[in-house]
Full PDB file with SEQRES, HELIX, SHEET, SSBOND, CRYST1, ORIGX, SCALE, CONECT and MASTER records, all heavy atoms in Angstrom:
SEQRES   1 A   40  ALA LEU GLU GLU LEU GLY TRP ASP GLU ALA GLN ALA GLY          
SEQRES   2 A   40  ILE VAL LEU VAL GLU TRP PRO ASP ARG LEU GLY PRO LEU          
SEQRES   3 A   40  LEU PRO ALA HIS ALA LEU ASP ILE PHE ILE SER LEU ASN          
SEQRES   4 A   40  PRO                                                          
HELIX    1 AA1 TRP A    7  ALA A   10  1                                   4    
HELIX    2 AA2 PRO A   20  LEU A   26  5                                   7    
CRYST1    1.000    1.000    1.000  90.00  90.00  90.00 P 1           1          
ORIGX1      1.000000  0.000000  0.000000        0.00000                         
ORIGX2      0.000000  1.000000  0.000000        0.00000                         
ORIGX3      0.000000  0.000000  1.000000        0.00000                         
SCALE1      1.000000  0.000000  0.000000        0.00000                         
SCALE2      0.000000  1.000000  0.000000        0.00000                         
SCALE3      0.000000  0.000000  1.000000        0.00000                         
ATOM      1  N   ALA A   1     -67.174  19.390  51.215  1.00  0.00           N  
ATOM      2  CA  ALA A   1     -65.884  19.296  51.908  1.00  0.00           C  
ATOM      3  C   ALA A   1     -65.656  20.406  52.921  1.00  0.00           C  
ATOM      4  O   ALA A   1     -64.678  20.369  53.668  1.00  0.00           O  
ATOM      5  CB  ALA A   1     -64.757  19.294  50.892  1.00  0.00           C  
ATOM      6  N   LEU A   2     -66.526  21.383  52.979  1.00  0.00           N  
ATOM      7  CA  LEU A   2     -66.287  22.533  53.862  1.00  0.00           C  
ATOM      8  C   LEU A   2     -66.275  22.170  55.335  1.00  0.00           C  
ATOM      9  O   LEU A   2     -65.569  22.796  56.120  1.00  0.00           O  
ATOM     10  CB  LEU A   2     -67.317  23.625  53.590  1.00  0.00           C  
ATOM     11  CG  LEU A   2     -67.027  24.421  52.329  1.00  0.00           C  
ATOM     12  CD1 LEU A   2     -68.222  25.263  51.942  1.00  0.00           C  
ATOM     13  CD2 LEU A   2     -65.799  25.281  52.496  1.00  0.00           C  
ATOM     14  N   GLU A   3     -67.031  21.170  55.726  1.00  0.00           N  
ATOM     15  CA  GLU A   3     -67.040  20.768  57.135  1.00  0.00           C  
ATOM     16  C   GLU A   3     -65.637  20.348  57.571  1.00  0.00           C  
ATOM     17  O   GLU A   3     -65.175  20.733  58.643  1.00  0.00           O  
ATOM     18  CB  GLU A   3     -68.030  19.623  57.360  1.00  0.00           C  
ATOM     19  CG  GLU A   3     -68.170  19.255  58.816  1.00  0.00           C  
ATOM     20  CD  GLU A   3     -69.230  18.194  59.052  1.00  0.00           C  
ATOM     21  OE1 GLU A   3     -70.170  18.080  58.243  1.00  0.00           O  
ATOM     22  OE2 GLU A   3     -69.092  17.469  60.050  1.00  0.00           O  
ATOM     23  N   GLU A   4     -64.946  19.599  56.723  1.00  0.00           N  
ATOM     24  CA  GLU A   4     -63.578  19.168  57.031  1.00  0.00           C  
ATOM     25  C   GLU A   4     -62.611  20.343  57.117  1.00  0.00           C  
ATOM     26  O   GLU A   4     -61.592  20.258  57.785  1.00  0.00           O  
ATOM     27  CB  GLU A   4     -63.069  18.225  55.937  1.00  0.00           C  
ATOM     28  CG  GLU A   4     -63.775  16.914  55.833  1.00  0.00           C  
ATOM     29  CD  GLU A   4     -63.260  16.119  54.630  1.00  0.00           C  
ATOM     30  OE1 GLU A   4     -62.079  16.287  54.248  1.00  0.00           O  
ATOM     31  OE2 GLU A   4     -64.060  15.354  54.080  1.00  0.00           O  
ATOM     32  N   LEU A   5     -62.922  21.416  56.431  1.00  0.00           N  
ATOM     33  CA  LEU A   5     -62.041  22.576  56.395  1.00  0.00           C  
ATOM     34  C   LEU A   5     -62.296  23.550  57.544  1.00  0.00           C  
ATOM     35  O   LEU A   5     -61.636  24.580  57.633  1.00  0.00           O  
ATOM     36  CB  LEU A   5     -62.209  23.308  55.065  1.00  0.00           C  
ATOM     37  CG  LEU A   5     -61.827  22.522  53.817  1.00  0.00           C  
ATOM     38  CD1 LEU A   5     -62.155  23.330  52.564  1.00  0.00           C  
ATOM     39  CD2 LEU A   5     -60.354  22.144  53.838  1.00  0.00           C  
ATOM     40  N   GLY A   6     -63.246  23.252  58.414  1.00  0.00           N  
ATOM     41  CA  GLY A   6     -63.523  24.114  59.554  1.00  0.00           C  
ATOM     42  C   GLY A   6     -64.481  25.254  59.262  1.00  0.00           C  
ATOM     43  O   GLY A   6     -64.474  26.266  59.968  1.00  0.00           O  
ATOM     44  N   TRP A   7     -65.316  25.102  58.241  1.00  0.00           N  
ATOM     45  CA  TRP A   7     -66.238  26.178  57.852  1.00  0.00           C  
ATOM     46  C   TRP A   7     -67.102  26.636  59.022  1.00  0.00           C  
ATOM     47  O   TRP A   7     -67.239  27.841  59.258  1.00  0.00           O  
ATOM     48  CB  TRP A   7     -67.110  25.732  56.682  1.00  0.00           C  
ATOM     49  CG  TRP A   7     -68.078  26.789  56.246  1.00  0.00           C  
ATOM     50  CD1 TRP A   7     -69.416  26.810  56.471  1.00  0.00           C  
ATOM     51  CD2 TRP A   7     -67.779  27.990  55.536  1.00  0.00           C  
ATOM     52  NE1 TRP A   7     -69.974  27.948  55.929  1.00  0.00           N  
ATOM     53  CE2 TRP A   7     -68.976  28.689  55.347  1.00  0.00           C  
ATOM     54  CE3 TRP A   7     -66.605  28.539  55.030  1.00  0.00           C  
ATOM     55  CZ2 TRP A   7     -69.050  29.908  54.685  1.00  0.00           C  
ATOM     56  CZ3 TRP A   7     -66.669  29.765  54.378  1.00  0.00           C  
ATOM     57  CH2 TRP A   7     -67.884  30.434  54.208  1.00  0.00           C  
ATOM     58  N   ASP A   8     -67.694  25.701  59.762  1.00  0.00           N  
ATOM     59  CA  ASP A   8     -68.569  26.091  60.871  1.00  0.00           C  
ATOM     60  C   ASP A   8     -67.800  26.853  61.942  1.00  0.00           C  
ATOM     61  O   ASP A   8     -68.276  27.868  62.446  1.00  0.00           O  
ATOM     62  CB  ASP A   8     -69.255  24.858  61.472  1.00  0.00           C  
ATOM     63  CG  ASP A   8     -70.272  24.237  60.536  1.00  0.00           C  
ATOM     64  OD1 ASP A   8     -70.778  24.952  59.640  1.00  0.00           O  
ATOM     65  OD2 ASP A   8     -70.558  23.037  60.683  1.00  0.00           O  
ATOM     66  N   GLU A   9     -66.614  26.394  62.279  1.00  0.00           N  
ATOM     67  CA  GLU A   9     -65.784  27.061  63.275  1.00  0.00           C  
ATOM     68  C   GLU A   9     -65.372  28.451  62.799  1.00  0.00           C  
ATOM     69  O   GLU A   9     -65.331  29.408  63.570  1.00  0.00           O  
ATOM     70  CB  GLU A   9     -64.531  26.215  63.549  1.00  0.00           C  
ATOM     71  CG  GLU A   9     -63.598  26.808  64.579  1.00  0.00           C  
ATOM     72  CD  GLU A   9     -62.330  25.986  64.756  1.00  0.00           C  
ATOM     73  OE1 GLU A   9     -62.215  24.882  64.193  1.00  0.00           O  
ATOM     74  OE2 GLU A   9     -61.443  26.475  65.478  1.00  0.00           O  
ATOM     75  N   ALA A  10     -65.091  28.563  61.510  1.00  0.00           N  
ATOM     76  CA  ALA A  10     -64.643  29.836  60.935  1.00  0.00           C  
ATOM     77  C   ALA A  10     -65.684  30.932  61.091  1.00  0.00           C  
ATOM     78  O   ALA A  10     -65.336  32.113  61.190  1.00  0.00           O  
ATOM     79  CB  ALA A  10     -64.294  29.644  59.462  1.00  0.00           C  
ATOM     80  N   GLN A  11     -66.947  30.582  61.133  1.00  0.00           N  
ATOM     81  CA  GLN A  11     -68.019  31.578  61.194  1.00  0.00           C  
ATOM     82  C   GLN A  11     -67.962  32.441  62.452  1.00  0.00           C  
ATOM     83  O   GLN A  11     -68.549  33.523  62.490  1.00  0.00           O  
ATOM     84  CB  GLN A  11     -69.389  30.898  61.101  1.00  0.00           C  
ATOM     85  CG  GLN A  11     -69.603  30.090  59.830  1.00  0.00           C  
ATOM     86  CD  GLN A  11     -69.348  30.882  58.578  1.00  0.00           C  
ATOM     87  OE1 GLN A  11     -70.016  31.868  58.287  1.00  0.00           O  
ATOM     88  NE2 GLN A  11     -68.356  30.461  57.802  1.00  0.00           N  
ATOM     89  N   ALA A  12     -67.241  31.992  63.473  1.00  0.00           N  
ATOM     90  CA  ALA A  12     -67.076  32.794  64.688  1.00  0.00           C  
ATOM     91  C   ALA A  12     -66.040  33.898  64.494  1.00  0.00           C  
ATOM     92  O   ALA A  12     -65.964  34.829  65.296  1.00  0.00           O  
ATOM     93  CB  ALA A  12     -66.669  31.905  65.858  1.00  0.00           C  
ATOM     94  N   GLY A  13     -65.252  33.805  63.427  1.00  0.00           N  
ATOM     95  CA  GLY A  13     -64.231  34.801  63.143  1.00  0.00           C  
ATOM     96  C   GLY A  13     -64.615  35.643  61.941  1.00  0.00           C  
ATOM     97  O   GLY A  13     -65.795  35.840  61.645  1.00  0.00           O  
ATOM     98  N   ILE A  14     -63.601  36.135  61.263  1.00  0.00           N  
ATOM     99  CA  ILE A  14     -63.782  36.889  60.028  1.00  0.00           C  
ATOM    100  C   ILE A  14     -63.353  35.960  58.894  1.00  0.00           C  
ATOM    101  O   ILE A  14     -62.281  35.362  58.951  1.00  0.00           O  
ATOM    102  CB  ILE A  14     -62.932  38.174  60.040  1.00  0.00           C  
ATOM    103  CG1 ILE A  14     -63.404  39.094  61.178  1.00  0.00           C  
ATOM    104  CG2 ILE A  14     -63.003  38.885  58.689  1.00  0.00           C  
ATOM    105  CD1 ILE A  14     -62.473  40.249  61.470  1.00  0.00           C  
ATOM    106  N   VAL A  15     -64.192  35.838  57.883  1.00  0.00           N  
ATOM    107  CA  VAL A  15     -63.946  34.874  56.813  1.00  0.00           C  
ATOM    108  C   VAL A  15     -63.782  35.594  55.471  1.00  0.00           C  
ATOM    109  O   VAL A  15     -64.630  36.406  55.097  1.00  0.00           O  
ATOM    110  CB  VAL A  15     -65.108  33.856  56.719  1.00  0.00           C  
ATOM    111  CG1 VAL A  15     -64.851  32.845  55.614  1.00  0.00           C  
ATOM    112  CG2 VAL A  15     -65.317  33.147  58.053  1.00  0.00           C  
ATOM    113  N   LEU A  16     -62.692  35.276  54.791  1.00  0.00           N  
ATOM    114  CA  LEU A  16     -62.451  35.736  53.428  1.00  0.00           C  
ATOM    115  C   LEU A  16     -62.571  34.506  52.530  1.00  0.00           C  
ATOM    116  O   LEU A  16     -61.938  33.490  52.804  1.00  0.00           O  
ATOM    117  CB  LEU A  16     -61.047  36.324  53.279  1.00  0.00           C  
ATOM    118  CG  LEU A  16     -60.697  37.487  54.204  1.00  0.00           C  
ATOM    119  CD1 LEU A  16     -59.208  37.780  54.148  1.00  0.00           C  
ATOM    120  CD2 LEU A  16     -61.484  38.711  53.808  1.00  0.00           C  
ATOM    121  N   VAL A  17     -63.369  34.586  51.482  1.00  0.00           N  
ATOM    122  CA  VAL A  17     -63.593  33.434  50.610  1.00  0.00           C  
ATOM    123  C   VAL A  17     -63.322  33.811  49.161  1.00  0.00           C  
ATOM    124  O   VAL A  17     -64.020  34.654  48.601  1.00  0.00           O  
ATOM    125  CB  VAL A  17     -65.041  32.901  50.716  1.00  0.00           C  
ATOM    126  CG1 VAL A  17     -65.220  31.668  49.833  1.00  0.00           C  
ATOM    127  CG2 VAL A  17     -65.415  32.594  52.146  1.00  0.00           C  
ATOM    128  N   GLU A  18     -62.300  33.182  48.582  1.00  0.00           N  
ATOM    129  CA  GLU A  18     -62.087  33.294  47.144  1.00  0.00           C  
ATOM    130  C   GLU A  18     -62.871  32.171  46.480  1.00  0.00           C  
ATOM    131  O   GLU A  18     -62.921  31.063  46.988  1.00  0.00           O  
ATOM    132  CB  GLU A  18     -60.602  33.168  46.810  1.00  0.00           C  
ATOM    133  CG  GLU A  18     -59.770  34.305  47.382  1.00  0.00           C  
ATOM    134  CD  GLU A  18     -58.324  34.224  46.965  1.00  0.00           C  
ATOM    135  OE1 GLU A  18     -58.057  34.027  45.755  1.00  0.00           O  
ATOM    136  OE2 GLU A  18     -57.455  34.349  47.852  1.00  0.00           O  
ATOM    137  N   TRP A  19     -63.514  32.465  45.358  1.00  0.00           N  
ATOM    138  CA  TRP A  19     -64.366  31.526  44.629  1.00  0.00           C  
ATOM    139  C   TRP A  19     -65.589  31.140  45.469  1.00  0.00           C  
ATOM    140  O   TRP A  19     -65.877  29.965  45.677  1.00  0.00           O  
ATOM    141  CB  TRP A  19     -63.573  30.292  44.168  1.00  0.00           C  
ATOM    142  CG  TRP A  19     -62.380  30.664  43.363  1.00  0.00           C  
ATOM    143  CD1 TRP A  19     -61.086  30.719  43.807  1.00  0.00           C  
ATOM    144  CD2 TRP A  19     -62.348  31.102  42.012  1.00  0.00           C  
ATOM    145  NE1 TRP A  19     -60.267  31.157  42.796  1.00  0.00           N  
ATOM    146  CE2 TRP A  19     -61.006  31.393  41.679  1.00  0.00           C  
ATOM    147  CE3 TRP A  19     -63.334  31.272  41.037  1.00  0.00           C  
ATOM    148  CZ2 TRP A  19     -60.630  31.843  40.425  1.00  0.00           C  
ATOM    149  CZ3 TRP A  19     -62.944  31.721  39.780  1.00  0.00           C  
ATOM    150  CH2 TRP A  19     -61.602  32.000  39.490  1.00  0.00           C  
ATOM    151  N   PRO A  20     -66.354  32.115  45.968  1.00  0.00           N  
ATOM    152  CA  PRO A  20     -67.499  31.820  46.828  1.00  0.00           C  
ATOM    153  C   PRO A  20     -68.633  31.071  46.132  1.00  0.00           C  
ATOM    154  O   PRO A  20     -69.487  30.502  46.819  1.00  0.00           O  
ATOM    155  CB  PRO A  20     -67.965  33.208  47.294  1.00  0.00           C  
ATOM    156  CG  PRO A  20     -67.491  34.132  46.234  1.00  0.00           C  
ATOM    157  CD  PRO A  20     -66.189  33.555  45.747  1.00  0.00           C  
ATOM    158  N   ASP A  21     -68.622  31.028  44.805  1.00  0.00           N  
ATOM    159  CA  ASP A  21     -69.660  30.258  44.105  1.00  0.00           C  
ATOM    160  C   ASP A  21     -69.605  28.784  44.487  1.00  0.00           C  
ATOM    161  O   ASP A  21     -70.601  28.072  44.388  1.00  0.00           O  
ATOM    162  CB  ASP A  21     -69.515  30.419  42.588  1.00  0.00           C  
ATOM    163  CG  ASP A  21     -68.144  30.011  42.083  1.00  0.00           C  
ATOM    164  OD1 ASP A  21     -67.128  30.510  42.627  1.00  0.00           O  
ATOM    165  OD2 ASP A  21     -68.081  29.208  41.137  1.00  0.00           O  
ATOM    166  N   ARG A  22     -68.455  28.314  44.991  1.00  0.00           N  
ATOM    167  CA  ARG A  22     -68.306  26.912  45.403  1.00  0.00           C  
ATOM    168  C   ARG A  22     -69.019  26.625  46.737  1.00  0.00           C  
ATOM    169  O   ARG A  22     -69.152  25.493  47.134  1.00  0.00           O  
ATOM    170  CB  ARG A  22     -66.836  26.521  45.547  1.00  0.00           C  
ATOM    171  CG  ARG A  22     -65.923  26.826  44.375  1.00  0.00           C  
ATOM    172  CD  ARG A  22     -66.279  26.083  43.113  1.00  0.00           C  
ATOM    173  NE  ARG A  22     -65.181  25.895  42.190  1.00  0.00           N  
ATOM    174  CZ  ARG A  22     -64.767  26.764  41.277  1.00  0.00           C  
ATOM    175  NH1 ARG A  22     -65.328  27.949  41.191  1.00  0.00           N  
ATOM    176  NH2 ARG A  22     -63.787  26.467  40.444  1.00  0.00           N  
ATOM    177  N   LEU A  23     -69.486  27.680  47.415  1.00  0.00           N  
ATOM    178  CA  LEU A  23     -70.175  27.495  48.698  1.00  0.00           C  
ATOM    179  C   LEU A  23     -71.587  26.940  48.538  1.00  0.00           C  
ATOM    180  O   LEU A  23     -72.133  26.368  49.478  1.00  0.00           O  
ATOM    181  CB  LEU A  23     -70.255  28.822  49.464  1.00  0.00           C  
ATOM    182  CG  LEU A  23     -68.954  29.372  50.011  1.00  0.00           C  
ATOM    183  CD1 LEU A  23     -69.164  30.783  50.546  1.00  0.00           C  
ATOM    184  CD2 LEU A  23     -68.406  28.460  51.101  1.00  0.00           C  
ATOM    185  N   GLY A  24     -72.186  27.136  47.393  1.00  0.00           N  
ATOM    186  CA  GLY A  24     -73.551  26.664  47.180  1.00  0.00           C  
ATOM    187  C   GLY A  24     -74.488  27.220  48.233  1.00  0.00           C  
ATOM    188  O   GLY A  24     -74.469  28.425  48.524  1.00  0.00           O  
ATOM    189  N   PRO A  25     -75.266  26.351  48.889  1.00  0.00           N  
ATOM    190  CA  PRO A  25     -76.244  26.820  49.872  1.00  0.00           C  
ATOM    191  C   PRO A  25     -75.620  27.352  51.166  1.00  0.00           C  
ATOM    192  O   PRO A  25     -76.308  27.932  51.987  1.00  0.00           O  
ATOM    193  CB  PRO A  25     -77.092  25.579  50.145  1.00  0.00           C  
ATOM    194  CG  PRO A  25     -76.222  24.429  49.802  1.00  0.00           C  
ATOM    195  CD  PRO A  25     -75.343  24.909  48.681  1.00  0.00           C  
ATOM    196  N   LEU A  26     -74.310  27.184  51.330  1.00  0.00           N  
ATOM    197  CA  LEU A  26     -73.644  27.686  52.534  1.00  0.00           C  
ATOM    198  C   LEU A  26     -73.224  29.149  52.404  1.00  0.00           C  
ATOM    199  O   LEU A  26     -72.699  29.734  53.341  1.00  0.00           O  
ATOM    200  CB  LEU A  26     -72.414  26.826  52.854  1.00  0.00           C  
ATOM    201  CG  LEU A  26     -72.711  25.365  53.182  1.00  0.00           C  
ATOM    202  CD1 LEU A  26     -71.416  24.599  53.419  1.00  0.00           C  
ATOM    203  CD2 LEU A  26     -73.627  25.250  54.393  1.00  0.00           C  
ATOM    204  N   LEU A  27     -73.477  29.746  51.253  1.00  0.00           N  
ATOM    205  CA  LEU A  27     -73.149  31.154  51.047  1.00  0.00           C  
ATOM    206  C   LEU A  27     -74.006  32.016  51.975  1.00  0.00           C  
ATOM    207  O   LEU A  27     -75.231  32.016  51.861  1.00  0.00           O  
ATOM    208  CB  LEU A  27     -73.392  31.554  49.591  1.00  0.00           C  
ATOM    209  CG  LEU A  27     -73.063  32.987  49.216  1.00  0.00           C  
ATOM    210  CD1 LEU A  27     -71.564  33.236  49.318  1.00  0.00           C  
ATOM    211  CD2 LEU A  27     -73.546  33.279  47.818  1.00  0.00           C  
ATOM    212  N   PRO A  28     -73.375  32.724  52.918  1.00  0.00           N  
ATOM    213  CA  PRO A  28     -74.163  33.536  53.858  1.00  0.00           C  
ATOM    214  C   PRO A  28     -74.848  34.717  53.182  1.00  0.00           C  
ATOM    215  O   PRO A  28     -74.236  35.418  52.367  1.00  0.00           O  
ATOM    216  CB  PRO A  28     -73.118  34.036  54.863  1.00  0.00           C  
ATOM    217  CG  PRO A  28     -71.923  33.180  54.668  1.00  0.00           C  
ATOM    218  CD  PRO A  28     -71.955  32.742  53.233  1.00  0.00           C  
ATOM    219  N   ALA A  29     -76.083  34.944  53.531  1.00  0.00           N  
ATOM    220  CA  ALA A  29     -76.853  36.055  52.956  1.00  0.00           C  
ATOM    221  C   ALA A  29     -76.276  37.406  53.381  1.00  0.00           C  
ATOM    222  O   ALA A  29     -76.414  38.401  52.675  1.00  0.00           O  
ATOM    223  CB  ALA A  29     -78.315  35.953  53.377  1.00  0.00           C  
ATOM    224  N   HIS A  30     -75.613  37.450  54.534  1.00  0.00           N  
ATOM    225  CA  HIS A  30     -75.093  38.711  55.061  1.00  0.00           C  
ATOM    226  C   HIS A  30     -73.694  39.052  54.546  1.00  0.00           C  
ATOM    227  O   HIS A  30     -73.099  40.045  54.966  1.00  0.00           O  
ATOM    228  CB  HIS A  30     -75.070  38.663  56.592  1.00  0.00           C  
ATOM    229  CG  HIS A  30     -74.042  37.704  57.138  1.00  0.00           C  
ATOM    230  ND1 HIS A  30     -74.271  36.350  57.214  1.00  0.00           N  
ATOM    231  CD2 HIS A  30     -72.797  37.904  57.607  1.00  0.00           C  
ATOM    232  CE1 HIS A  30     -73.209  35.756  57.725  1.00  0.00           C  
ATOM    233  NE2 HIS A  30     -72.293  36.686  57.966  1.00  0.00           N  
ATOM    234  N   ALA A  31     -73.148  38.265  53.632  1.00  0.00           N  
ATOM    235  CA  ALA A  31     -71.770  38.469  53.164  1.00  0.00           C  
ATOM    236  C   ALA A  31     -71.608  39.792  52.430  1.00  0.00           C  
ATOM    237  O   ALA A  31     -72.538  40.299  51.804  1.00  0.00           O  
ATOM    238  CB  ALA A  31     -71.369  37.310  52.251  1.00  0.00           C  
ATOM    239  N   LEU A  32     -70.392  40.329  52.504  1.00  0.00           N  
ATOM    240  CA  LEU A  32     -70.001  41.448  51.668  1.00  0.00           C  
ATOM    241  C   LEU A  32     -69.452  40.840  50.385  1.00  0.00           C  
ATOM    242  O   LEU A  32     -68.484  40.067  50.417  1.00  0.00           O  
ATOM    243  CB  LEU A  32     -68.928  42.304  52.339  1.00  0.00           C  
ATOM    244  CG  LEU A  32     -68.342  43.421  51.467  1.00  0.00           C  
ATOM    245  CD1 LEU A  32     -69.402  44.470  51.135  1.00  0.00           C  
ATOM    246  CD2 LEU A  32     -67.142  44.070  52.144  1.00  0.00           C  
ATOM    247  N   ASP A  33     -70.082  41.134  49.269  1.00  0.00           N  
ATOM    248  CA  ASP A  33     -69.630  40.614  47.984  1.00  0.00           C  
ATOM    249  C   ASP A  33     -68.653  41.599  47.363  1.00  0.00           C  
ATOM    250  O   ASP A  33     -68.947  42.793  47.252  1.00  0.00           O  
ATOM    251  CB  ASP A  33     -70.813  40.393  47.040  1.00  0.00           C  
ATOM    252  CG  ASP A  33     -71.721  39.270  47.525  1.00  0.00           C  
ATOM    253  OD1 ASP A  33     -71.192  38.191  47.852  1.00  0.00           O  
ATOM    254  OD2 ASP A  33     -72.946  39.487  47.590  1.00  0.00           O  
ATOM    255  N   ILE A  34     -67.505  41.084  46.974  1.00  0.00           N  
ATOM    256  CA  ILE A  34     -66.461  41.894  46.351  1.00  0.00           C  
ATOM    257  C   ILE A  34     -66.174  41.283  44.983  1.00  0.00           C  
ATOM    258  O   ILE A  34     -65.708  40.151  44.891  1.00  0.00           O  
ATOM    259  CB  ILE A  34     -65.183  41.913  47.216  1.00  0.00           C  
ATOM    260  CG1 ILE A  34     -65.504  42.426  48.623  1.00  0.00           C  
ATOM    261  CG2 ILE A  34     -64.101  42.746  46.544  1.00  0.00           C  
ATOM    262  CD1 ILE A  34     -64.377  42.274  49.620  1.00  0.00           C  
ATOM    263  N   PHE A  35     -66.514  42.017  43.937  1.00  0.00           N  
ATOM    264  CA  PHE A  35     -66.316  41.556  42.569  1.00  0.00           C  
ATOM    265  C   PHE A  35     -65.127  42.308  41.988  1.00  0.00           C  
ATOM    266  O   PHE A  35     -65.138  43.546  41.948  1.00  0.00           O  
ATOM    267  CB  PHE A  35     -67.560  41.833  41.724  1.00  0.00           C  
ATOM    268  CG  PHE A  35     -68.816  41.235  42.292  1.00  0.00           C  
ATOM    269  CD1 PHE A  35     -69.668  42.005  43.075  1.00  0.00           C  
ATOM    270  CD2 PHE A  35     -69.143  39.903  42.056  1.00  0.00           C  
ATOM    271  CE1 PHE A  35     -70.832  41.465  43.612  1.00  0.00           C  
ATOM    272  CE2 PHE A  35     -70.304  39.361  42.589  1.00  0.00           C  
ATOM    273  CZ  PHE A  35     -71.149  40.136  43.370  1.00  0.00           C  
ATOM    274  N   ILE A  36     -64.118  41.581  41.538  1.00  0.00           N  
ATOM    275  CA  ILE A  36     -62.907  42.199  41.004  1.00  0.00           C  
ATOM    276  C   ILE A  36     -62.759  41.810  39.533  1.00  0.00           C  
ATOM    277  O   ILE A  36     -62.867  40.638  39.175  1.00  0.00           O  
ATOM    278  CB  ILE A  36     -61.663  41.746  41.792  1.00  0.00           C  
ATOM    279  CG1 ILE A  36     -61.847  42.018  43.292  1.00  0.00           C  
ATOM    280  CG2 ILE A  36     -60.415  42.454  41.267  1.00  0.00           C  
ATOM    281  CD1 ILE A  36     -60.746  41.459  44.170  1.00  0.00           C  
ATOM    282  N   SER A  37     -62.533  42.795  38.706  1.00  0.00           N  
ATOM    283  CA  SER A  37     -62.279  42.529  37.297  1.00  0.00           C  
ATOM    284  C   SER A  37     -61.166  43.458  36.828  1.00  0.00           C  
ATOM    285  O   SER A  37     -60.837  44.443  37.486  1.00  0.00           O  
ATOM    286  CB  SER A  37     -63.548  42.722  36.467  1.00  0.00           C  
ATOM    287  OG  SER A  37     -64.028  44.039  36.602  1.00  0.00           O  
ATOM    288  N   LEU A  38     -60.582  43.126  35.708  1.00  0.00           N  
ATOM    289  CA  LEU A  38     -59.517  43.942  35.148  1.00  0.00           C  
ATOM    290  C   LEU A  38     -60.068  44.811  34.029  1.00  0.00           C  
ATOM    291  O   LEU A  38     -60.928  44.375  33.272  1.00  0.00           O  
ATOM    292  CB  LEU A  38     -58.400  43.048  34.613  1.00  0.00           C  
ATOM    293  CG  LEU A  38     -57.683  42.200  35.665  1.00  0.00           C  
ATOM    294  CD1 LEU A  38     -56.704  41.247  34.999  1.00  0.00           C  
ATOM    295  CD2 LEU A  38     -56.969  43.076  36.676  1.00  0.00           C  
ATOM    296  N   ASN A  39     -59.610  46.040  33.994  1.00  0.00           N  
ATOM    297  CA  ASN A  39     -59.946  46.924  32.879  1.00  0.00           C  
ATOM    298  C   ASN A  39     -58.691  47.736  32.547  1.00  0.00           C  
ATOM    299  O   ASN A  39     -57.708  47.650  33.277  1.00  0.00           O  
ATOM    300  CB  ASN A  39     -61.187  47.778  33.189  1.00  0.00           C  
ATOM    301  CG  ASN A  39     -60.938  48.902  34.158  1.00  0.00           C  
ATOM    302  OD1 ASN A  39     -59.826  49.423  34.254  1.00  0.00           O  
ATOM    303  ND2 ASN A  39     -61.947  49.311  34.882  1.00  0.00           N  
ATOM    304  N   PRO A  40     -58.684  48.499  31.489  1.00  0.00           N  
ATOM    305  CA  PRO A  40     -57.459  49.220  31.097  1.00  0.00           C  
ATOM    306  C   PRO A  40     -56.906  50.149  32.186  1.00  0.00           C  
ATOM    307  O   PRO A  40     -55.704  50.397  32.221  1.00  0.00           O  
ATOM    308  CB  PRO A  40     -57.891  50.013  29.861  1.00  0.00           C  
ATOM    309  CG  PRO A  40     -59.021  49.232  29.294  1.00  0.00           C  
ATOM    310  CD  PRO A  40     -59.737  48.649  30.486  1.00  0.00           C  
TER     311      PRO A  40                                                      
MASTER        0    0    0    2    0    0    0    6  310    1    0    4          
END                                                                             
């Protein structure tokens, strides 16, 4: 469904992706991975 959402067009800008595991093979190798978890 990413094509309908403008994924290709978005690549010309800055992209923030929540739940990037849903990207599958479209996950860019150059991405900055940000892992957030809760601790005390």
